[in-house]
Amino acid sequence: MHTAETDPRALESLLAFWTDAGAEGSFLDSPIDRIAEGQKPPPRPAAPPTRMPGARPAVPAAQAAPEAAVAAADARRLAAEAQDLTQLEAAIAAFDGCGLRFEGAKRAVFARGNPEGPLMIIGEAPGADEDAQGQPFVGRAGKLLDRMLAAAGLEGRAFITNTVYWRPPGNRTPTPAEQLACAPFLERAVALVKPRALLLVGGAAAKSVLKKDEGILSLRGRWFEWRSEDGALELPALPTLHPAFLLRQPGAKKRAWQDLLTLAERLDRPERPH
């Protein structure tokens, strides 16, 4: 495609389409003829790249689970030492057991919202806007989430965080190993905030927190009981659709709205006497 030969109005329309679809940037500055590329002989294997100082080496898949378990043990120790959310945020920022920290993220992104509120919202991972601003759910998806919370009467009543605290490259879904390494920090956040319920946003968050294999379309709208690793904490948890998915599939907003109404009704239900 040659820009000079293209109607600017067509380009504007195409850019608007991809923006509405949730695209935040392009990987290449110019198009590539993939058919012509496929006809070229394969290149010779390159020599292993020199690892930058401070970067973590790639971990073979067979070693990923043991590595994550070791990292989780370290995270559990650091999390247990945190006596408040400020100390917990500092412990996360100092933690080097999650490989995402060394894959291009600018900073650790911990949380935002009301730590005194009755609700904790757990997403999957920071995106580009979150990485830039240092807070979760501040991009287009986060703005939609805020509008939905306000409409459901939940504005200012939620503490918002993620299952991992560094942006995955290309906004990919975090791996189970990356979520396992960060899980003790999330569990400690729940213990410090003491919410009355958890809202699990998106399939990656729901499956990680609940330890389920089902997809989000099967999990959403159903109440589950989340229990901490030591069994000391038990909370109702409701999975729902991720607002980024709703931006791509507006027709699904009705189901997410039903989930929020169900959640609001439960939070506002009078507590049973002890």
Protein backbone atom coordinates (compact mmCIF):
# COMPACT_ATOMS: atom_id res chain seq x y z
CA MET A 1 0.00 0.00 0.00
CA HIS A 2 1.41 3.42 -0.99
CA THR A 3 0.09 6.28 1.11
CA ALA A 4 0.36 8.77 -1.73
CA GLU A 5 -1.98 6.65 -3.86
CA THR A 6 -4.51 6.08 -1.10
CA ASP A 7 -7.57 8.19 -0.35
CA PRO A 8 -6.90 9.83 3.08
CA ARG A 9 -10.53 9.25 3.99
CA ALA A 10 -10.07 5.53 3.50
CA LEU A 11 -7.01 5.59 5.75
CA GLU A 12 -8.92 7.49 8.45
CA SER A 13 -11.76 4.98 8.24
CA LEU A 14 -9.33 2.05 8.54
CA LEU A 15 -7.57 3.61 11.54
CA ALA A 16 -10.93 4.25 13.23
CA PHE A 17 -11.91 0.61 12.68
CA TRP A 18 -8.76 -0.73 14.36
CA THR A 19 -9.04 1.79 17.20
CA ASP A 20 -12.60 0.66 17.91
CA ALA A 21 -11.38 -2.93 17.82
CA GLY A 22 -8.96 -2.15 20.65
CA ALA A 23 -5.68 -1.92 18.71
CA GLU A 24 -3.16 0.34 20.47
CA GLY A 25 -0.26 0.33 18.04
CA SER A 26 1.39 -1.37 15.10
CA PHE A 27 4.29 -3.78 15.18
CA LEU A 28 5.82 -2.60 11.87
CA ASP A 29 6.19 0.75 10.15
CA SER A 30 5.56 -0.61 6.64
CA PRO A 31 3.67 -3.58 5.12
CA ILE A 32 5.41 -6.84 4.21
CA ASP A 33 4.60 -9.08 1.23
CA ARG A 34 4.29 -12.36 3.14
CA ILE A 35 3.91 -14.43 -0.05
CA ALA A 36 7.23 -13.15 -1.42
CA GLU A 37 8.86 -13.65 1.95
CA GLY A 38 7.69 -17.25 2.02
CA GLN A 39 9.44 -17.96 -1.28
CA LYS A 40 12.85 -16.98 0.05
CA PRO A 41 15.20 -19.69 1.39
CA PRO A 42 15.18 -19.96 5.17
CA PRO A 43 17.93 -17.98 6.90
CA ARG A 44 20.78 -19.67 8.70
CA PRO A 45 20.29 -20.10 12.44
CA ALA A 46 21.55 -17.04 14.27
CA ALA A 47 24.05 -17.25 17.07
CA PRO A 48 22.53 -17.10 20.56
CA PRO A 49 22.06 -13.45 21.53
CA THR A 50 24.17 -11.94 24.26
CA ARG A 51 22.09 -11.49 27.38
CA MET A 52 21.89 -7.94 28.69
CA PRO A 53 23.22 -7.34 32.21
CA GLY A 54 20.48 -7.91 34.78
CA ALA A 55 18.19 -9.77 32.35
CA ARG A 56 16.92 -13.20 33.33
CA PRO A 57 17.76 -16.10 31.00
CA ALA A 58 14.98 -17.84 29.12
CA VAL A 59 13.59 -20.81 31.05
CA PRO A 60 12.77 -24.05 29.17
CA ALA A 61 9.12 -25.10 29.41
CA ALA A 62 10.04 -28.21 31.40
CA GLN A 63 11.62 -26.02 34.08
CA ALA A 64 8.89 -23.35 34.15
CA ALA A 65 6.79 -24.93 36.92
CA PRO A 66 9.71 -25.57 39.33
CA GLU A 67 11.07 -22.07 38.66
CA ALA A 68 7.62 -20.58 39.37
CA ALA A 69 7.30 -22.59 42.58
CA VAL A 70 10.65 -21.28 43.82
CA ALA A 71 9.66 -17.72 42.88
CA ALA A 72 6.29 -18.15 44.62
CA ALA A 73 8.04 -19.27 47.81
CA ASP A 74 10.17 -16.13 47.72
CA ALA A 75 7.09 -14.00 47.03
CA ARG A 76 5.28 -15.64 49.95
CA ARG A 77 8.09 -14.67 52.30
CA LEU A 78 8.15 -11.07 51.06
CA ALA A 79 4.36 -10.78 51.13
CA ALA A 80 4.14 -12.07 54.69
CA GLU A 81 6.52 -9.34 55.85
CA ALA A 82 4.26 -6.59 54.44
CA GLN A 83 2.13 -5.13 57.22
CA ASP A 84 0.15 -2.75 55.02
CA LEU A 85 -0.54 -2.03 51.35
CA THR A 86 2.32 0.46 51.07
CA GLN A 87 4.81 -2.16 52.23
CA LEU A 88 3.21 -4.74 49.95
CA GLU A 89 3.57 -2.45 46.94
CA ALA A 90 7.24 -1.91 47.80
CA ALA A 91 7.77 -5.67 48.13
CA ILE A 92 6.24 -6.23 44.69
CA ALA A 93 8.43 -3.52 43.14
CA ALA A 94 11.53 -5.20 44.59
CA PHE A 95 10.51 -8.74 43.56
CA ASP A 96 12.54 -10.24 40.70
CA GLY A 97 10.96 -13.71 40.61
CA CYS A 98 8.51 -12.93 37.80
CA GLY A 99 10.12 -12.93 34.37
CA LEU A 100 7.73 -10.25 33.11
CA ARG A 101 9.77 -7.69 35.02
CA PHE A 102 12.63 -8.23 32.56
CA GLU A 103 10.60 -8.31 29.34
CA GLY A 104 10.16 -4.61 28.66
CA ALA A 105 7.79 -3.43 31.40
CA LYS A 106 8.54 0.07 32.69
CA ARG A 107 7.40 -0.51 36.26
CA ALA A 108 5.38 -2.66 38.62
CA VAL A 109 1.67 -1.84 38.56
CA PHE A 110 -0.02 -2.74 41.83
CA ALA A 111 -3.46 -1.29 42.51
CA ARG A 112 -5.87 1.63 42.65
CA GLY A 113 -9.20 2.31 44.28
CA ASN A 114 -10.66 2.19 47.76
CA PRO A 115 -8.91 -0.25 50.14
CA GLU A 116 -11.76 0.25 52.60
CA GLY A 117 -14.42 -0.79 50.08
CA PRO A 118 -16.31 -4.09 50.21
CA LEU A 119 -15.18 -5.26 46.76
CA MET A 120 -11.85 -6.33 45.27
CA ILE A 121 -11.64 -6.48 41.48
CA ILE A 122 -8.92 -8.72 40.01
CA GLY A 123 -7.92 -8.48 36.36
CA GLU A 124 -5.21 -10.35 34.52
CA ALA A 125 -2.32 -7.97 33.79
CA PRO A 126 -1.39 -4.33 33.09
CA GLY A 127 -1.54 -3.07 29.50
CA ALA A 128 0.27 -0.24 27.76
CA ASP A 129 -1.66 2.58 29.50
CA GLU A 130 -1.28 0.91 32.87
CA ASP A 131 2.44 0.42 32.34
CA ALA A 132 2.78 4.11 31.45
CA GLN A 133 0.68 5.45 34.35
CA GLY A 134 1.48 2.91 37.06
CA GLN A 135 -2.13 2.01 37.88
CA PRO A 136 -4.37 -0.87 36.74
CA PHE A 137 -7.40 -0.41 34.47
CA VAL A 138 -6.76 3.16 33.30
CA GLY A 139 -6.98 2.64 29.52
CA ARG A 140 -10.11 2.30 27.38
CA ALA A 141 -11.09 -0.95 29.08
CA GLY A 142 -10.58 0.62 32.51
CA LYS A 143 -12.73 3.62 31.63
CA LEU A 144 -15.51 1.28 30.54
CA LEU A 145 -15.15 -0.66 33.79
CA ASP A 146 -15.42 2.58 35.80
CA ARG A 147 -18.59 3.59 33.93
CA MET A 148 -20.16 0.20 34.54
CA LEU A 149 -19.27 0.27 38.24
CA ALA A 150 -20.80 3.73 38.58
CA ALA A 151 -23.99 2.66 36.82
CA ALA A 152 -24.30 -0.36 39.12
CA GLY A 153 -23.85 1.77 42.25
CA LEU A 154 -20.34 0.43 42.91
CA GLU A 155 -18.33 3.58 42.23
CA GLY A 156 -15.74 4.21 44.94
CA ARG A 157 -16.42 0.84 46.56
CA ALA A 158 -13.76 -1.28 44.89
CA PHE A 159 -10.03 -1.94 45.21
CA ILE A 160 -8.62 -2.92 41.80
CA THR A 161 -5.54 -5.05 41.08
CA ASN A 162 -4.30 -7.84 38.77
CA THR A 163 -2.94 -11.38 38.92
CA VAL A 164 0.50 -10.15 37.70
CA TYR A 165 2.08 -6.74 38.17
CA TRP A 166 4.15 -6.19 35.03
CA ARG A 167 2.91 -5.71 31.49
CA PRO A 168 3.37 -8.85 29.35
CA PRO A 169 5.08 -8.05 26.03
CA GLY A 170 2.56 -7.29 23.30
CA ASN A 171 -0.22 -7.36 25.93
CA ARG A 172 -0.28 -11.15 25.72
CA THR A 173 -2.08 -13.19 28.36
CA PRO A 174 0.14 -13.94 31.38
CA THR A 175 1.20 -17.56 31.69
CA PRO A 176 0.12 -19.75 34.63
CA ALA A 177 3.76 -19.78 35.78
CA GLU A 178 3.86 -15.97 35.86
CA GLN A 179 0.58 -15.86 37.77
CA LEU A 180 1.81 -18.50 40.21
CA ALA A 181 4.93 -16.48 40.96
CA CYS A 182 2.81 -13.42 41.83
CA ALA A 183 -0.05 -15.23 43.59
CA PRO A 184 1.27 -14.74 47.16
CA PHE A 185 1.19 -10.96 46.69
CA LEU A 186 -2.40 -11.11 45.50
CA GLU A 187 -3.39 -13.29 48.43
CA ARG A 188 -1.69 -10.90 50.85
CA ALA A 189 -3.56 -7.99 49.27
CA VAL A 190 -6.84 -9.80 49.89
CA ALA A 191 -5.84 -10.38 53.52
CA LEU A 192 -4.95 -6.70 54.04
CA VAL A 193 -8.00 -5.23 52.26
CA LYS A 194 -10.48 -7.73 53.74
CA PRO A 195 -13.15 -7.33 51.03
CA ARG A 196 -16.53 -8.97 51.25
CA ALA A 197 -16.41 -10.29 47.68
CA LEU A 198 -14.10 -10.72 44.69
CA LEU A 199 -14.94 -9.80 41.09
CA LEU A 200 -12.71 -11.76 38.71
CA VAL A 201 -12.45 -9.92 35.39
CA GLY A 202 -11.69 -12.06 32.36
CA GLY A 203 -10.83 -15.70 31.80
CA ALA A 204 -7.14 -15.51 32.74
CA ALA A 205 -7.93 -13.99 36.13
CA ALA A 206 -10.88 -16.28 36.86
CA LYS A 207 -9.02 -19.48 35.98
CA SER A 208 -5.91 -18.46 37.94
CA VAL A 209 -7.69 -17.33 41.11
CA LEU A 210 -10.26 -20.14 41.16
CA LYS A 211 -7.90 -22.81 39.77
CA LYS A 212 -10.43 -23.75 37.10
CA ASP A 213 -9.95 -24.90 33.51
CA GLU A 214 -13.31 -23.73 32.17
CA GLY A 215 -13.56 -20.74 29.84
CA ILE A 216 -14.94 -17.40 30.98
CA LEU A 217 -18.21 -17.83 29.06
CA SER A 218 -18.87 -20.88 31.22
CA LEU A 219 -17.60 -19.38 34.49
CA ARG A 220 -19.17 -15.91 34.30
CA GLY A 221 -22.24 -15.14 36.35
CA ARG A 222 -21.66 -18.07 38.73
CA TRP A 223 -20.66 -17.66 42.37
CA PHE A 224 -17.63 -19.58 43.62
CA GLU A 225 -15.89 -19.75 46.98
CA TRP A 226 -12.28 -18.58 46.92
CA ARG A 227 -10.06 -19.91 49.70
CA SER A 228 -6.56 -18.80 50.61
CA GLU A 229 -3.71 -21.30 50.49
CA ASP A 230 -3.63 -21.57 54.30
CA GLY A 231 -7.42 -21.85 54.53
CA ALA A 232 -7.69 -18.80 56.78
CA LEU A 233 -9.66 -16.73 54.25
CA GLU A 234 -12.77 -17.66 52.32
CA LEU A 235 -14.69 -15.23 50.11
CA PRO A 236 -17.41 -15.36 47.46
CA ALA A 237 -15.99 -14.76 43.98
CA LEU A 238 -17.87 -13.86 40.81
CA PRO A 239 -16.20 -14.16 37.38
CA THR A 240 -17.31 -11.77 34.64
CA LEU A 241 -16.30 -10.70 31.14
CA HIS A 242 -13.28 -8.45 30.68
CA PRO A 243 -14.16 -4.90 29.53
CA ALA A 244 -11.60 -5.25 26.71
CA PHE A 245 -13.72 -8.13 25.40
CA LEU A 246 -16.82 -5.95 25.71
CA LEU A 247 -15.18 -3.27 23.58
CA ARG A 248 -14.68 -5.88 20.86
CA GLN A 249 -18.06 -7.55 21.40
CA PRO A 250 -20.56 -4.86 22.51
CA GLY A 251 -23.40 -7.36 22.35
CA ALA A 252 -21.93 -9.12 25.40
CA LYS A 253 -22.31 -6.05 27.63
CA LYS A 254 -25.75 -7.23 28.73
CA ARG A 255 -24.27 -10.33 30.36
CA ALA A 256 -21.56 -8.34 32.15
CA TRP A 257 -24.19 -5.86 33.32
CA GLN A 258 -26.24 -8.72 34.78
CA ASP A 259 -23.13 -9.89 36.64
CA LEU A 260 -22.58 -6.44 38.17
CA LEU A 261 -26.21 -6.19 39.27
CA THR A 262 -25.95 -9.60 40.90
CA LEU A 263 -22.77 -8.49 42.65
CA ALA A 264 -24.25 -5.18 43.84
CA GLU A 265 -27.31 -6.96 45.21
CA ARG A 266 -25.15 -9.36 47.21
CA LEU A 267 -22.94 -6.60 48.61
CA ASP A 268 -25.96 -4.56 49.68
CA ARG A 269 -27.75 -7.53 51.21
CA PRO A 270 -27.93 -7.17 55.01
CA GLU A 271 -25.34 -9.33 56.71
CA ARG A 272 -26.58 -12.20 58.83
CA PRO A 273 -26.04 -11.79 62.57
CA HIS A 274 -23.14 -13.82 63.91
